[in-house]
Amino acid sequence: MQISIIEFSVQNFKTFKNKVTFSTVAQKNDKHTFKDNGENLLKTSFIYGPNASGKSTLLEALIFFKSIVSFSANIQENSMLPYSPFMGNKENRESPIFFELVFSIDGINEGAYRYNFSIMHDRVVSEDLVKISSSGSVKMYISRNEQEIKIGKEFKDVEMIRDRTRKDTLFLSMAAQFNSTLALNFLEALKSINIISGIIPGNYQNFTVKKFKEDAVYKEKILEYLRTADFCISNGRVEEVDVSAVDIKDGQEGFSATKRVEKGNALFFEHPVYDAKNNRSGSFEILIDAESEGTKKFLSALGPIIDTLDGGKVLFIDEFDNSLHPILTKFIVNLFESKDINKNNAQLIVTTHDTSLLANKGEFIKDQFWFTEKDEFGSAKLFSLAEFDIRNDTEFSKKYLEGRFGALPFIHSTKK
């Protein structure tokens, strides 16, 4: 099930006091976009800003959104909902937090959908789902105010659950529990939003290694990208080995540890050996754990990247440039920008400090760049470079580092 993100909004969540909206809509159709229900949607987007300015919080909000929609029907009755409002204002501490996603789903009718909800710690305050046709007309599917729930004919097959939906449960989540086709399609589409919170070796390495072992096509793609990125890797194989594991138990007499042996996958990469005349004369193998940190980080990212490209999914990466060389980050961006590789219109959205992407004069457009910063009251703002009167062929990085767009850390003097 392929999803395309058009907009995502959040309000009164952690550092976001006021409503902010991230959009993948571009003003013009060009090489950076694809057509979706009459909109020009971006293949790649970049979010900049100083530390603690809200970049990662935007991704946290999306993770929160996905989790609540998928699992709120499983929450035990009268449990506390994960309510995390903006704490820097007394009024906000007693106000709902709000999330909204505007999206389209490939293969499910024409048009886009807008789904939003707001919650307090103990209840759902509002919930709305509408379909927006290409002509702009709006059709109501769900309209909820506290426990007053109205539904369209698309949910008539599960109408009996309307009065059984608890105050702490989303109707959409409940409908999926009762096998509503439309609700199940929406939840399945949400699964195609992949989120990487920092490129850390091990977090996604197991996924990549498993695919490397089981899928020959996937394996060749990984090896191709590793060769192209010049890691001096000619081949690779996965071997099942015995690995040690430790079970930790908390007993009356304190913690105890029990060792056990289980099967695990070990990835070995083959590197070439050359003679004195620089002719290849053989090869040697290195276990992935013994490879460089850069190799492990790049490999760790490749699994979700290929999965996203193949499935026409959406990939969010937080701290995109974490220990990756700018050439490698640009290589990943180019995979999503390529019409030949990104045939299914996958989307890449990253938070980063890598100003080399801003420095590629004329290569990207203003719509692709976003910034976060906090005001003097600790409230985070999100804004687009497209809001500035500046040409697309400008060297954005120079003006960004000069402070023309804001979103830079302010260093206070240590002198007294």
Protein backbone atom coordinates (compact mmCIF):
# COMPACT_ATOMS: atom_id res chain seq x y z
CA MET A 1 0.00 0.00 0.00
CA GLN A 2 1.75 3.18 -1.20
CA ILE A 3 1.24 6.49 0.61
CA SER A 4 2.33 9.98 -0.38
CA ILE A 5 2.55 12.68 2.27
CA ILE A 6 1.17 16.06 1.24
CA GLU A 7 1.12 17.87 4.62
CA PHE A 8 1.69 17.10 8.27
CA SER A 9 0.64 19.49 11.04
CA VAL A 10 1.07 19.51 14.81
CA GLN A 11 0.03 21.90 17.57
CA ASN A 12 0.67 22.09 21.33
CA PHE A 13 3.06 19.12 21.26
CA LYS A 14 6.29 19.38 23.27
CA THR A 15 8.22 22.35 21.76
CA PHE A 16 5.47 23.29 19.31
CA LYS A 17 3.08 25.68 21.04
CA ASN A 18 1.36 27.00 17.91
CA LYS A 19 0.26 25.03 14.87
CA VAL A 20 3.04 24.31 12.37
CA THR A 21 2.62 22.64 8.99
CA PHE A 22 5.23 20.81 6.95
CA SER A 23 4.36 20.45 3.26
CA THR A 24 5.81 18.54 0.31
CA VAL A 25 3.86 20.63 -2.20
CA ALA A 26 6.02 22.56 -4.69
CA GLN A 27 4.91 25.61 -6.60
CA LYS A 28 6.05 24.22 -9.96
CA ASN A 29 6.39 20.81 -11.56
CA ASP A 30 10.04 20.04 -12.29
CA LYS A 31 12.66 17.29 -11.88
CA HIS A 32 12.29 17.36 -8.08
CA THR A 33 8.55 16.58 -8.11
CA PHE A 34 5.94 14.07 -9.22
CA LYS A 35 2.27 14.61 -9.96
CA ASP A 36 -0.24 13.40 -7.41
CA ASN A 37 -3.92 14.34 -7.67
CA GLY A 38 -3.03 17.59 -9.41
CA GLU A 39 -0.35 18.55 -6.85
CA ASN A 40 3.40 18.79 -7.44
CA LEU A 41 4.84 16.73 -4.59
CA LEU A 42 8.54 16.79 -3.73
CA LYS A 43 10.70 13.67 -3.81
CA THR A 44 13.17 15.09 -1.28
CA SER A 45 12.88 17.66 1.52
CA PHE A 46 15.46 18.96 4.02
CA ILE A 47 14.84 20.44 7.49
CA TYR A 48 17.54 22.62 9.09
CA GLY A 49 17.85 24.31 12.45
CA PRO A 50 19.97 24.51 15.60
CA ASN A 51 19.96 21.77 18.22
CA ALA A 52 16.79 21.65 20.37
CA SER A 53 14.90 23.81 17.84
CA GLY A 54 12.16 21.30 17.01
CA LYS A 55 13.56 19.28 14.08
CA SER A 56 13.50 15.95 15.88
CA THR A 57 10.24 16.84 17.64
CA LEU A 58 8.51 17.02 14.26
CA LEU A 59 9.50 13.40 13.63
CA GLU A 60 8.49 12.48 17.18
CA ALA A 61 5.08 13.94 16.42
CA LEU A 62 4.73 11.72 13.34
CA ILE A 63 5.78 8.64 15.33
CA PHE A 64 3.23 9.60 18.01
CA PHE A 65 0.55 10.07 15.32
CA LYS A 66 1.23 6.64 13.78
CA SER A 67 1.27 4.93 17.16
CA ILE A 68 -2.01 6.40 18.42
CA VAL A 69 -3.85 5.67 15.16
CA SER A 70 -2.55 2.10 15.03
CA PHE A 71 -2.91 1.09 18.66
CA SER A 72 -5.41 3.30 20.51
CA ALA A 73 -8.06 0.57 20.30
CA ASN A 74 -5.68 -1.68 22.26
CA ILE A 75 -5.20 0.75 25.13
CA GLN A 76 -6.65 -0.55 28.38
CA GLU A 77 -9.81 1.31 29.38
CA ASN A 78 -9.27 4.35 31.61
CA SER A 79 -5.54 4.37 30.87
CA MET A 80 -3.76 7.68 30.53
CA LEU A 81 -3.10 8.71 26.94
CA PRO A 82 0.47 9.85 26.14
CA TYR A 83 -0.32 13.55 26.51
CA SER A 84 2.75 15.79 25.96
CA PRO A 85 1.66 19.44 25.60
CA PHE A 86 3.83 22.54 25.36
CA MET A 87 4.88 23.17 28.96
CA GLY A 88 6.09 26.75 28.60
CA ASN A 89 2.60 28.21 28.84
CA LYS A 90 -0.03 27.57 31.54
CA GLU A 91 -2.93 27.62 29.09
CA ASN A 92 -1.28 25.05 26.82
CA ARG A 93 -0.83 22.63 29.73
CA GLU A 94 -4.62 22.31 29.87
CA SER A 95 -5.28 22.31 26.10
CA PRO A 96 -5.53 19.42 23.61
CA ILE A 97 -2.60 18.38 21.45
CA PHE A 98 -3.45 18.26 17.75
CA PHE A 99 -2.16 16.22 14.79
CA GLU A 100 -3.17 16.25 11.14
CA LEU A 101 -1.99 14.31 8.10
CA VAL A 102 -2.98 15.10 4.51
CA PHE A 103 -2.09 12.20 2.26
CA SER A 104 -3.00 10.11 -0.77
CA ILE A 105 -2.99 6.34 -1.14
CA ASP A 106 -2.10 4.70 -4.43
CA GLY A 107 -4.89 2.45 -5.68
CA ILE A 108 -7.63 3.77 -3.37
CA ASN A 109 -9.81 6.06 -5.46
CA GLU A 110 -8.78 9.45 -6.75
CA GLY A 111 -8.23 12.32 -4.37
CA ALA A 112 -6.49 12.97 -1.08
CA TYR A 113 -7.48 12.45 2.55
CA ARG A 114 -7.20 14.75 5.56
CA TYR A 115 -7.25 13.04 8.92
CA ASN A 116 -6.80 14.84 12.24
CA PHE A 117 -7.46 14.35 15.91
CA SER A 118 -6.85 16.13 19.20
CA ILE A 119 -6.46 14.51 22.60
CA MET A 120 -6.17 15.26 26.28
CA HIS A 121 -4.58 12.90 28.80
CA ASP A 122 -7.85 11.01 29.31
CA ARG A 123 -9.90 11.38 26.14
CA VAL A 124 -10.18 12.10 22.42
CA VAL A 125 -11.49 15.64 22.01
CA SER A 126 -11.99 15.65 18.24
CA GLU A 127 -11.46 13.37 15.24
CA ASP A 128 -12.13 14.14 11.59
CA LEU A 129 -11.55 12.32 8.32
CA VAL A 130 -12.50 13.84 4.98
CA LYS A 131 -11.78 13.05 1.37
CA ILE A 132 -10.67 15.93 -0.85
CA SER A 133 -11.38 15.41 -4.56
CA SER A 134 -9.14 16.77 -7.32
CA SER A 135 -11.77 19.47 -7.90
CA GLY A 136 -11.49 20.60 -4.28
CA SER A 137 -14.80 19.28 -2.97
CA VAL A 138 -14.78 17.77 0.52
CA LYS A 139 -16.61 14.61 1.63
CA MET A 140 -17.04 13.77 5.32
CA TYR A 141 -16.09 10.27 6.51
CA ILE A 142 -15.71 10.90 10.26
CA SER A 143 -16.73 13.97 12.26
CA ARG A 144 -16.27 13.75 16.01
CA ASN A 145 -16.68 16.14 18.91
CA GLU A 146 -15.93 14.33 22.16
CA GLN A 147 -18.35 11.34 22.14
CA GLU A 148 -20.65 12.74 19.45
CA ILE A 149 -19.48 10.76 16.40
CA LYS A 150 -20.89 11.14 12.90
CA ILE A 151 -19.81 8.78 10.12
CA GLY A 152 -20.22 8.62 6.35
CA LYS A 153 -21.59 5.67 4.42
CA GLU A 154 -18.06 4.35 3.95
CA PHE A 155 -18.14 3.22 7.60
CA LYS A 156 -21.71 1.90 7.66
CA ASP A 157 -20.34 -1.67 7.76
CA VAL A 158 -19.06 -0.94 11.28
CA GLU A 159 -21.79 1.48 12.38
CA MET A 160 -22.49 -0.66 15.45
CA ILE A 161 -19.14 0.34 17.00
CA ARG A 162 -19.92 4.08 16.95
CA ASP A 163 -21.64 3.95 20.33
CA ARG A 164 -19.06 1.46 21.63
CA THR A 165 -16.05 3.66 20.90
CA ARG A 166 -14.56 4.68 24.24
CA LYS A 167 -13.63 8.27 25.01
CA ASP A 168 -9.94 7.31 25.04
CA THR A 169 -10.02 5.52 21.66
CA LEU A 170 -9.94 6.81 18.11
CA PHE A 171 -12.90 5.70 16.00
CA LEU A 172 -10.59 4.94 13.04
CA SER A 173 -8.50 2.61 15.18
CA MET A 174 -11.64 0.94 16.52
CA ALA A 175 -13.02 0.52 12.98
CA ALA A 176 -9.86 -1.28 11.93
CA GLN A 177 -10.28 -3.67 14.88
CA PHE A 178 -13.68 -4.57 13.43
CA ASN A 179 -12.21 -5.12 9.93
CA SER A 180 -13.50 -1.99 8.22
CA THR A 181 -11.87 -2.15 4.78
CA LEU A 182 -11.27 1.59 4.58
CA ALA A 183 -9.80 1.80 8.09
CA LEU A 184 -7.55 -1.22 7.45
CA ASN A 185 -6.32 0.38 4.22
CA PHE A 186 -5.45 3.58 6.08
CA LEU A 187 -3.55 1.75 8.81
CA GLU A 188 -1.73 -0.38 6.24
CA ALA A 189 -0.73 2.77 4.35
CA LEU A 190 0.68 4.30 7.56
CA LYS A 191 3.02 1.30 7.82
CA SER A 192 4.69 2.48 4.60
CA ILE A 193 6.04 5.55 6.43
CA ASN A 194 9.54 4.52 7.52
CA ILE A 195 11.28 6.56 10.21
CA ILE A 196 14.97 6.39 11.14
CA SER A 197 15.90 8.25 14.28
CA GLY A 198 19.60 8.82 13.63
CA ILE A 199 21.79 6.55 11.48
CA ILE A 200 23.26 4.32 14.19
CA PRO A 201 24.89 0.97 13.27
CA GLY A 202 22.88 -1.95 14.61
CA ASN A 203 19.51 -0.20 14.70
CA TYR A 204 18.64 -1.22 11.15
CA GLN A 205 21.58 -3.50 10.35
CA ASN A 206 19.67 -6.69 11.21
CA PHE A 207 16.91 -5.75 8.77
CA THR A 208 19.45 -5.10 6.01
CA VAL A 209 21.38 -8.32 6.69
CA LYS A 210 18.18 -10.39 6.68
CA LYS A 211 17.17 -8.97 3.29
CA PHE A 212 20.74 -9.44 2.02
CA LYS A 213 20.52 -13.13 2.93
CA GLU A 214 17.01 -13.89 1.66
CA ASP A 215 16.63 -11.73 -1.46
CA ALA A 216 19.16 -12.01 -4.31
CA VAL A 217 17.91 -8.84 -6.02
CA TYR A 218 18.11 -6.91 -2.77
CA LYS A 219 21.61 -8.26 -2.16
CA GLU A 220 22.83 -7.08 -5.55
CA LYS A 221 21.39 -3.60 -5.00
CA ILE A 222 23.21 -3.29 -1.67
CA LEU A 223 26.48 -4.43 -3.23
CA GLU A 224 25.98 -2.07 -6.19
CA TYR A 225 25.48 0.94 -3.92
CA LEU A 226 28.47 -0.04 -1.75
CA ARG A 227 30.65 -0.34 -4.85
CA THR A 228 29.38 2.94 -6.26
CA ALA A 229 30.10 4.66 -2.94
CA ASP A 230 33.67 3.27 -3.21
CA PHE A 231 33.92 1.14 -0.08
CA CYS A 232 36.26 -1.31 -1.89
CA ILE A 233 33.75 -4.14 -1.44
CA SER A 234 33.48 -6.67 -4.25
CA ASN A 235 31.04 -9.19 -2.78
CA GLY A 236 29.41 -10.40 0.42
CA ARG A 237 27.79 -13.38 2.07
CA VAL A 238 25.75 -14.18 5.18
CA GLU A 239 26.62 -17.12 7.39
CA GLU A 240 24.54 -18.45 10.25
CA VAL A 241 26.69 -18.64 13.37
CA ASP A 242 26.34 -19.32 17.08
CA VAL A 243 26.18 -16.11 19.08
CA SER A 244 26.18 -15.56 22.80
CA ALA A 245 23.21 -13.91 24.43
CA VAL A 246 22.57 -12.95 28.04
CA ASP A 247 19.21 -13.11 29.78
CA ILE A 248 18.84 -10.67 32.69
CA LYS A 249 16.33 -11.54 35.39
CA ASP A 250 15.24 -9.41 38.34
CA GLY A 251 14.66 -11.71 41.31
CA GLN A 252 14.21 -11.34 45.04
CA GLU A 253 17.94 -11.54 45.56
CA GLY A 254 18.77 -9.02 42.85
CA PHE A 255 19.65 -9.32 39.19
CA SER A 256 20.97 -12.57 37.75
CA ALA A 257 22.46 -13.23 34.33
CA THR A 258 22.19 -16.45 32.36
CA LYS A 259 24.24 -17.03 29.25
CA ARG A 260 22.77 -18.89 26.30
CA VAL A 261 23.74 -19.62 22.72
CA GLU A 262 21.47 -18.86 19.79
CA LYS A 263 21.73 -18.69 16.03
CA GLY A 264 22.47 -15.37 14.36
CA ASN A 265 23.36 -14.02 10.93
CA ALA A 266 26.93 -12.84 10.35
CA LEU A 267 27.62 -10.69 7.30
CA PHE A 268 31.04 -10.94 5.68
CA PHE A 269 32.23 -8.51 2.99
CA GLU A 270 34.80 -9.52 0.39
CA HIS A 271 37.60 -7.08 -0.40
CA PRO A 272 40.01 -7.43 -3.37
CA VAL A 273 43.74 -8.15 -3.08
CA TYR A 274 46.18 -6.77 -5.71
CA ASP A 275 49.72 -7.77 -6.64
CA ALA A 276 52.72 -5.50 -7.19
CA LYS A 277 51.47 -4.60 -10.67
CA ASN A 278 48.03 -3.67 -9.35
CA ASN A 279 46.42 -6.74 -10.89
CA ARG A 280 43.78 -8.41 -8.78
CA SER A 281 45.21 -11.61 -7.34
CA GLY A 282 42.61 -12.66 -4.78
CA SER A 283 40.39 -11.45 -1.98
CA PHE A 284 39.92 -11.46 1.78
CA GLU A 285 36.83 -11.27 4.00
CA ILE A 286 35.94 -8.97 6.89
CA LEU A 287 33.06 -9.43 9.31
CA ILE A 288 30.76 -6.41 9.21
CA ASP A 289 31.54 -5.64 12.87
CA ALA A 290 35.19 -5.14 11.90
CA GLU A 291 34.40 -2.72 9.07
CA SER A 292 34.77 1.04 9.47
CA GLU A 293 32.09 3.05 11.26
CA GLY A 294 31.28 4.78 7.98
CA THR A 295 30.68 1.45 6.23
CA LYS A 296 28.43 0.22 9.04
CA LYS A 297 26.41 3.45 9.14
CA PHE A 298 25.94 3.49 5.38
CA LEU A 299 24.94 -0.18 5.32
CA SER A 300 22.54 0.39 8.22
CA ALA A 301 20.73 3.08 6.22
CA LEU A 302 20.66 1.09 2.96
CA GLY A 303 18.06 -1.41 4.15
CA PRO A 304 15.28 1.12 4.82
CA ILE A 305 16.36 3.18 1.78
CA ILE A 306 15.97 0.30 -0.69
CA ASP A 307 12.74 -0.82 0.98
CA THR A 308 11.35 2.71 0.61
CA LEU A 309 12.45 3.11 -3.03
CA ASP A 310 11.10 -0.30 -4.08
CA GLY A 311 7.77 0.18 -2.35
CA GLY A 312 7.17 3.83 -3.24
CA LYS A 313 7.07 4.60 0.49
CA VAL A 314 8.04 7.61 2.61
CA LEU A 315 11.31 7.71 4.56
CA PHE A 316 12.03 10.18 7.38
CA ILE A 317 15.62 10.28 8.62
CA ASP A 318 16.54 12.24 11.72
CA GLU A 319 20.17 13.44 11.95
CA PHE A 320 20.71 12.49 8.30
CA ASP A 321 24.35 13.57 8.28
CA ASN A 322 25.26 11.78 11.53
CA SER A 323 28.82 10.51 10.81
CA LEU A 324 28.16 10.28 7.07
CA HIS A 325 30.37 12.18 4.64
CA PRO A 326 28.53 14.89 2.65
CA ILE A 327 29.27 12.93 -0.54
CA LEU A 328 27.40 9.94 0.89
CA THR A 329 24.41 12.02 1.98
CA LYS A 330 24.29 13.50 -1.52
CA PHE A 331 24.52 9.98 -2.98
CA ILE A 332 21.44 8.95 -0.98
CA VAL A 333 19.55 12.09 -2.03
CA ASN A 334 20.40 11.36 -5.68
CA LEU A 335 18.81 7.89 -5.39
CA PHE A 336 15.48 9.52 -4.55
CA GLU A 337 15.90 12.28 -7.12
CA SER A 338 16.63 9.78 -9.93
CA LYS A 339 13.73 8.99 -12.26
CA ASP A 340 15.39 5.71 -13.21
CA ILE A 341 15.83 4.50 -9.61
CA ASN A 342 12.88 6.16 -7.86
CA LYS A 343 10.26 4.85 -10.28
CA ASN A 344 7.54 4.56 -7.64
CA ASN A 345 7.70 8.17 -6.40
CA ALA A 346 9.12 7.45 -2.95
CA GLN A 347 9.68 10.47 -0.70
CA LEU A 348 12.73 11.28 1.44
CA ILE A 349 12.40 13.82 4.27
CA VAL A 350 15.42 14.46 6.49
CA THR A 351 16.60 16.67 9.34
CA THR A 352 20.21 17.71 8.89
CA HIS A 353 23.00 20.19 9.59
CA ASP A 354 24.73 19.39 6.27
CA THR A 355 24.92 22.79 4.55
CA SER A 356 26.58 21.25 1.47
CA LEU A 357 23.06 20.49 0.20
CA LEU A 358 22.20 24.17 0.55
CA ALA A 359 25.44 25.04 -1.26
CA ASN A 360 24.57 23.21 -4.48
CA LYS A 361 23.70 26.39 -6.36
CA GLY A 362 20.71 25.92 -8.65
CA GLU A 363 20.54 22.15 -8.04
CA PHE A 364 17.62 22.27 -5.62
CA ILE A 365 14.63 24.59 -5.27
CA LYS A 366 13.41 26.71 -2.35
CA ASP A 367 10.38 24.48 -1.70
CA GLN A 368 12.71 21.65 -0.62
CA PHE A 369 14.24 23.51 2.34
CA TRP A 370 12.63 24.01 5.75
CA PHE A 371 13.89 25.58 8.98
CA THR A 372 13.09 25.33 12.67
CA GLU A 373 13.90 27.79 15.43
CA LYS A 374 12.62 28.76 18.87
CA ASP A 375 11.32 32.16 19.89
CA GLU A 376 12.21 33.88 23.18
CA PHE A 377 9.43 32.00 24.96
CA GLY A 378 10.73 28.54 23.97
CA SER A 379 8.11 27.90 21.30
CA ALA A 380 9.38 26.23 18.11
CA LYS A 381 8.55 27.56 14.66
CA LEU A 382 8.71 25.78 11.30
CA PHE A 383 8.99 27.72 8.07
CA SER A 384 9.96 27.19 4.43
CA LEU A 385 12.68 28.82 2.36
CA ALA A 386 9.94 29.39 -0.22
CA GLU A 387 8.61 32.14 2.07
CA PHE A 388 11.69 34.26 1.30
CA ASP A 389 12.03 36.48 -1.74
CA ILE A 390 15.11 34.80 -3.15
CA ARG A 391 15.95 33.22 -6.50
CA ASN A 392 16.30 29.44 -6.90
CA ASP A 393 19.78 29.86 -8.39
CA THR A 394 21.05 31.58 -5.24
CA GLU A 395 23.72 29.89 -3.10
CA PHE A 396 21.40 29.21 -0.19
CA SER A 397 24.13 28.03 2.22
CA LYS A 398 25.96 31.37 2.23
CA LYS A 399 22.84 33.33 3.13
CA TYR A 400 21.80 30.69 5.68
CA LEU A 401 25.14 30.88 7.50
CA GLU A 402 24.92 34.70 7.37
CA GLY A 403 21.67 34.38 9.33
CA ARG A 404 19.40 35.65 6.53
CA PHE A 405 16.85 32.89 7.19
CA GLY A 406 17.28 32.61 10.96
CA ALA A 407 17.33 29.03 12.34
CA LEU A 408 20.93 29.37 13.60
CA PRO A 409 22.16 28.76 17.15
CA PHE A 410 22.74 31.92 19.18
CA ILE A 411 25.98 31.66 21.15
CA HIS A 412 26.01 33.82 24.28
CA SER A 413 29.28 35.41 25.32
CA THR A 414 31.00 33.78 28.29
CA LYS A 415 32.71 37.04 29.24
CA LYS A 416 31.52 38.80 32.40
